[in-house]
């Protein structure tokens, strides 16, 4: 017994005729008759009474019909699901982020993708670059958006957008009166960073920039997330730096000022061996959005 046998059997029972079943399925009447006979021989029982006007089910055929219809329905439903996943209209997409979703390119990309592919469940995870890339190679993540220009072995890397770097200040800070600040203005300030991503990367970034001025930066780790870190800035615990997307987050008592000349490039990183159709559509959409914003891919 196979799928074709059941399909022919159900069609013949519904139409009451091998000829009509063959016409409905686009096959010869003789093919229907032969396959039904094979099915009956295999089961050891007649499924139809043959007569000059067509066919009708035997008791055994009646018992088989409901089960055969259910099997065909499950198979058809499964085929529809596989087809939807293959077309990227259903499925799952796992995204690693290293930036705020408060505004900017990444927020627009996720919103647009969700609107155009409502059947795809998108999971978003914070993390540091090394963790994200390891997850991509192990297919635990489909794509990650990371800063910098580093090429990751065994991964596709494509530059998609850039964001300015901002210092986060208490509203009463003297530098809040400036429209833009320089690193020289910040050389002797105390900074705070989170102990969770991207805290360590922000720490390394500050060390490199301030060290270039001949100073060792004062940096304190805080065991809080990104949102609470901004609140700590507001109450005077120190300054921090962030990317442009975060500036859409309004926290009482703080202000954002761009650091002159500081721009962070953001890349999409994924495995070329990942065959998730939703990933292919997501990458295609990201590249299209980047081109519209003037990025030469």
Protein backbone atom coordinates (compact mmCIF):
# COMPACT_ATOMS: atom_id res chain seq x y z
CA UNK A 1 0.00 0.00 0.00
CA UNK A 2 1.38 3.41 -0.94
CA UNK A 3 0.20 6.99 -1.32
CA UNK A 4 -0.88 6.48 -4.96
CA UNK A 5 -2.92 3.41 -4.08
CA UNK A 6 -4.80 5.31 -1.38
CA UNK A 7 -5.30 8.33 -3.61
CA UNK A 8 -6.84 6.21 -6.38
CA UNK A 9 -8.96 4.28 -3.87
CA UNK A 10 -10.41 7.44 -2.30
CA UNK A 11 -11.07 9.04 -5.71
CA UNK A 12 -12.87 5.94 -6.96
CA UNK A 13 -15.02 5.77 -3.82
CA UNK A 14 -15.91 9.48 -4.09
CA UNK A 15 -16.77 9.34 -7.80
CA UNK A 16 -18.32 5.85 -7.81
CA UNK A 17 -16.47 5.05 -11.03
CA UNK A 18 -12.92 4.19 -12.09
CA UNK A 19 -13.48 6.17 -15.28
CA UNK A 20 -14.59 9.33 -13.47
CA UNK A 21 -11.81 8.95 -10.90
CA UNK A 22 -9.25 8.66 -13.69
CA UNK A 23 -10.64 11.77 -15.38
CA UNK A 24 -10.47 13.72 -12.10
CA UNK A 25 -6.87 12.66 -11.47
CA UNK A 26 -5.72 12.91 -15.07
CA UNK A 27 -4.83 9.21 -15.49
CA UNK A 28 -6.23 6.36 -17.55
CA UNK A 29 -9.19 4.34 -16.25
CA UNK A 30 -7.10 1.19 -16.71
CA UNK A 31 -4.41 2.61 -14.40
CA UNK A 32 -6.98 3.24 -11.68
CA UNK A 33 -8.42 -0.25 -12.10
CA UNK A 34 -4.99 -1.92 -12.03
CA UNK A 35 -3.79 -0.05 -8.93
CA UNK A 36 -7.02 -0.78 -7.07
CA UNK A 37 -6.64 -4.46 -7.97
CA UNK A 38 -3.04 -4.38 -6.66
CA UNK A 39 -4.29 -2.85 -3.43
CA UNK A 40 -7.00 -5.48 -3.05
CA UNK A 41 -4.52 -8.28 -3.76
CA UNK A 42 -2.14 -6.88 -1.17
CA UNK A 43 -4.85 -6.58 1.46
CA UNK A 44 -6.46 -9.91 0.57
CA UNK A 45 -9.95 -8.45 0.37
CA UNK A 46 -12.18 -6.84 -2.26
CA UNK A 47 -12.75 -3.12 -1.72
CA UNK A 48 -15.29 -2.47 -4.47
CA UNK A 49 -18.28 -4.18 -6.02
CA UNK A 50 -17.95 -3.74 -9.80
CA UNK A 51 -21.11 -3.26 -11.85
CA UNK A 52 -22.06 -1.81 -15.21
CA UNK A 53 -22.81 1.63 -13.74
CA UNK A 54 -19.53 1.92 -11.84
CA UNK A 55 -18.33 0.74 -8.46
CA UNK A 56 -19.48 0.83 -4.84
CA UNK A 57 -17.61 0.04 -1.65
CA UNK A 58 -17.66 -3.35 0.03
CA UNK A 59 -17.80 -3.57 3.84
CA UNK A 60 -14.00 -3.80 3.87
CA UNK A 61 -13.80 -0.79 1.57
CA UNK A 62 -16.08 1.21 3.84
CA UNK A 63 -13.84 0.41 6.83
CA UNK A 64 -10.74 1.51 4.90
CA UNK A 65 -12.19 4.72 3.47
CA UNK A 66 -12.20 6.92 6.60
CA UNK A 67 -8.65 5.86 7.49
CA UNK A 68 -7.43 6.45 3.94
CA UNK A 69 -9.02 9.90 3.85
CA UNK A 70 -7.36 10.80 7.14
CA UNK A 71 -3.95 9.60 5.92
CA UNK A 72 -4.27 11.63 2.71
CA UNK A 73 -5.34 14.71 4.67
CA UNK A 74 -2.29 14.44 6.95
CA UNK A 75 0.00 13.97 3.97
CA UNK A 76 -1.49 16.98 2.18
CA UNK A 77 -1.26 19.13 5.29
CA UNK A 78 2.36 18.09 5.78
CA UNK A 79 3.14 18.92 2.15
CA UNK A 80 1.57 22.35 2.56
CA UNK A 81 3.66 23.01 5.67
CA UNK A 82 6.86 21.93 3.92
CA UNK A 83 5.97 24.07 0.92
CA UNK A 84 5.32 27.11 3.15
CA UNK A 85 8.64 26.63 4.94
CA UNK A 86 10.42 26.23 1.61
CA UNK A 87 8.91 29.49 0.37
CA UNK A 88 9.90 31.25 3.58
CA UNK A 89 6.30 32.08 4.48
CA UNK A 90 6.42 29.90 7.60
CA UNK A 91 9.17 28.65 9.86
CA UNK A 92 11.59 30.08 12.39
CA UNK A 93 14.38 32.67 12.27
CA UNK A 94 16.88 33.08 15.13
CA UNK A 95 18.64 36.45 15.24
CA UNK A 96 21.59 37.48 17.42
CA UNK A 97 21.93 41.19 18.18
CA UNK A 98 24.66 43.41 19.55
CA UNK A 99 22.81 46.71 19.36
CA UNK A 100 19.70 48.36 20.68
CA UNK A 101 16.37 47.74 18.96
CA UNK A 102 15.04 51.13 20.08
CA UNK A 103 15.36 52.59 16.59
CA UNK A 104 17.36 52.47 13.38
CA UNK A 105 18.09 49.96 10.63
CA UNK A 106 17.70 46.79 12.68
CA UNK A 107 14.34 47.77 14.14
CA UNK A 108 13.06 48.71 10.66
CA UNK A 109 14.34 45.42 9.23
CA UNK A 110 12.68 43.27 11.89
CA UNK A 111 9.41 45.20 11.66
CA UNK A 112 9.27 44.96 7.85
CA UNK A 113 10.14 41.27 7.83
CA UNK A 114 7.48 40.50 10.44
CA UNK A 115 4.87 42.38 8.42
CA UNK A 116 5.72 40.58 5.17
CA UNK A 117 6.30 37.13 6.71
CA UNK A 118 3.80 36.82 9.58
CA UNK A 119 4.11 33.02 9.55
CA UNK A 120 7.81 33.11 10.44
CA UNK A 121 8.52 33.11 14.18
CA UNK A 122 11.50 35.40 14.90
CA UNK A 123 13.57 34.85 18.04
CA UNK A 124 16.03 37.59 19.09
CA UNK A 125 18.94 37.01 21.47
CA UNK A 126 21.52 39.38 22.99
CA UNK A 127 25.10 38.20 23.16
CA UNK A 128 28.71 38.99 22.43
CA UNK A 129 30.25 38.44 18.99
CA UNK A 130 32.17 35.27 19.85
CA UNK A 131 29.07 33.62 21.33
CA UNK A 132 26.93 34.62 18.35
CA UNK A 133 29.41 33.35 15.77
CA UNK A 134 29.81 30.03 17.59
CA UNK A 135 26.02 29.65 17.61
CA UNK A 136 25.88 30.46 13.89
CA UNK A 137 28.44 27.78 13.07
CA UNK A 138 26.44 25.27 15.12
CA UNK A 139 23.14 26.40 13.48
CA UNK A 140 21.73 27.52 16.83
CA UNK A 141 21.47 31.04 15.36
CA UNK A 142 20.62 31.87 11.76
CA UNK A 143 22.17 35.36 11.61
CA UNK A 144 23.80 37.91 13.90
CA UNK A 145 24.37 41.64 13.55
CA UNK A 146 27.80 42.63 14.84
CA UNK A 147 29.92 45.75 14.94
CA UNK A 148 33.38 46.22 13.45
CA UNK A 149 35.06 45.04 10.29
CA UNK A 150 36.30 41.63 11.43
CA UNK A 151 35.88 38.74 8.98
CA UNK A 152 34.70 35.55 10.69
CA UNK A 153 36.03 32.26 9.24
CA UNK A 154 33.42 29.92 7.74
CA UNK A 155 30.83 32.70 7.79
CA UNK A 156 29.40 35.14 5.28
CA UNK A 157 29.87 38.75 6.40
CA UNK A 158 28.15 41.70 4.74
CA UNK A 159 28.31 45.36 5.77
CA UNK A 160 24.77 46.75 6.04
CA UNK A 161 24.70 50.04 7.95
CA UNK A 162 26.58 52.38 10.29
CA UNK A 163 25.64 54.23 13.47
CA UNK A 164 27.24 57.20 15.15
CA UNK A 165 28.65 56.76 18.65
CA UNK A 166 27.13 58.82 21.47
CA UNK A 167 28.23 59.58 25.01
CA UNK A 168 25.46 59.33 27.59
CA UNK A 169 25.58 62.19 30.11
CA UNK A 170 23.57 63.37 33.12
CA UNK A 171 21.52 66.38 32.06
CA UNK A 172 23.38 68.56 34.56
CA UNK A 173 26.84 67.62 33.23
CA UNK A 174 28.92 70.47 31.82
CA UNK A 175 29.35 68.68 28.48
CA UNK A 176 25.57 68.57 28.05
CA UNK A 177 25.78 72.19 26.91
CA UNK A 178 27.74 71.11 23.82
CA UNK A 179 26.08 69.81 20.64
CA UNK A 180 29.02 67.42 20.01
CA UNK A 181 31.95 66.27 22.12
CA UNK A 182 35.50 65.15 21.43
CA UNK A 183 37.44 62.33 23.05
CA UNK A 184 39.69 64.97 24.66
CA UNK A 185 36.59 66.24 26.50
CA UNK A 186 36.06 62.75 27.95
CA UNK A 187 39.61 61.70 28.78
CA UNK A 188 39.35 62.30 32.54
CA UNK A 189 35.74 61.21 33.03
CA UNK A 190 34.58 58.10 34.91
CA UNK A 191 32.73 55.60 32.75
CA UNK A 192 30.39 52.78 33.69
CA UNK A 193 29.71 49.63 31.65
CA UNK A 194 27.40 46.66 32.07
CA UNK A 195 28.67 43.20 32.92
CA UNK A 196 26.43 41.76 30.19
CA UNK A 197 26.86 42.20 26.41
CA UNK A 198 27.93 44.51 25.00
CA UNK A 199 29.55 45.66 28.26
CA UNK A 200 32.97 44.04 27.71
CA UNK A 201 33.16 45.32 24.15
CA UNK A 202 32.26 48.85 25.32
CA UNK A 203 35.02 48.55 27.95
CA UNK A 204 37.60 47.56 25.33
CA UNK A 205 36.39 50.33 23.03
CA UNK A 206 36.82 52.96 25.76
CA UNK A 207 40.27 51.67 26.70
CA UNK A 208 41.44 51.90 23.10
CA UNK A 209 40.03 55.39 22.45
CA UNK A 210 41.16 57.00 25.70
CA UNK A 211 44.54 55.25 25.63
CA UNK A 212 45.15 56.88 22.25
CA UNK A 213 45.09 60.19 24.14
CA UNK A 214 47.75 58.99 26.55
CA UNK A 215 45.39 58.35 29.45
CA UNK A 216 44.17 55.26 31.27
CA UNK A 217 40.37 55.46 31.46
CA UNK A 218 38.46 55.08 34.71
CA UNK A 219 35.90 52.35 34.03
CA UNK A 220 33.61 50.69 36.56
CA UNK A 221 31.55 47.58 35.88
CA UNK A 222 27.92 47.60 36.95
CA UNK A 223 25.94 44.38 37.30
CA UNK A 224 22.87 45.66 35.52
CA UNK A 225 21.36 45.53 32.05
CA UNK A 226 21.46 48.24 29.40
CA UNK A 227 18.33 50.08 30.57
CA UNK A 228 19.37 50.32 34.22
CA UNK A 229 22.84 51.42 33.14
CA UNK A 230 21.29 54.56 31.64
CA UNK A 231 19.48 55.22 34.92
CA UNK A 232 22.79 54.98 36.77
CA UNK A 233 24.16 57.65 34.44
CA UNK A 234 21.20 59.86 35.36
CA UNK A 235 21.99 59.64 39.09
CA UNK A 236 25.66 60.49 38.56
CA UNK A 237 27.40 57.10 38.76
CA UNK A 238 29.41 57.85 35.60
CA UNK A 239 29.15 58.26 31.86
CA UNK A 240 28.79 55.56 29.22
CA UNK A 241 28.81 55.31 25.46
CA UNK A 242 26.27 53.78 23.13
CA UNK A 243 25.32 53.50 19.48
CA UNK A 244 22.85 55.78 17.72
CA UNK A 245 19.94 53.35 17.85
CA UNK A 246 19.84 53.58 21.66
CA UNK A 247 19.23 57.33 21.58
CA UNK A 248 15.53 56.71 20.87
CA UNK A 249 15.24 55.39 24.44
CA UNK A 250 14.06 58.25 26.66
CA UNK A 251 15.33 57.99 30.23
CA UNK A 252 14.68 60.88 32.65
CA UNK A 253 17.83 62.74 33.68
CA UNK A 254 20.14 61.83 30.77
CA UNK A 255 21.07 63.27 27.40
CA UNK A 256 22.96 61.95 24.41
CA UNK A 257 25.76 63.80 22.61
CA UNK A 258 27.54 62.49 19.48
CA UNK A 259 31.29 61.95 19.66
CA UNK A 260 32.90 63.69 16.70
CA UNK A 261 34.23 61.30 14.05
CA UNK A 262 33.07 58.11 15.76
CA UNK A 263 31.05 55.73 13.57
CA UNK A 264 30.36 52.01 14.11
CA UNK A 265 29.88 49.77 11.07
CA UNK A 266 27.36 46.94 11.47
CA UNK A 267 27.54 43.64 9.58
CA UNK A 268 25.22 40.73 9.08
CA UNK A 269 26.98 37.41 9.76
CA UNK A 270 25.58 33.98 8.83
CA UNK A 271 26.71 30.52 7.74
CA UNK A 272 26.75 29.81 3.99
CA UNK A 273 25.78 26.21 4.90
CA UNK A 274 22.54 27.30 6.56
CA UNK A 275 19.67 26.27 4.26
CA UNK A 276 16.86 27.94 6.23
CA UNK A 277 14.61 29.54 3.55
CA UNK A 278 13.52 32.24 6.02
CA UNK A 279 17.18 33.22 6.44
CA UNK A 280 17.62 33.64 2.67
CA UNK A 281 14.59 35.92 2.50
CA UNK A 282 15.74 37.88 5.57
CA UNK A 283 19.23 38.44 4.14
CA UNK A 284 17.74 39.48 0.80
CA UNK A 285 15.51 42.02 2.55
CA UNK A 286 18.43 43.37 4.61
CA UNK A 287 20.55 43.87 1.50
CA UNK A 288 17.69 45.60 -0.31
CA UNK A 289 17.19 48.00 2.60
CA UNK A 290 20.94 48.68 2.76
CA UNK A 291 21.07 49.51 -0.95
CA UNK A 292 18.16 51.91 -0.56
CA UNK A 293 20.20 53.73 2.08
CA UNK A 294 23.15 54.06 -0.27
CA UNK A 295 25.29 51.09 0.82
CA UNK A 296 27.29 49.63 -2.07
CA UNK A 297 27.09 45.85 -1.69
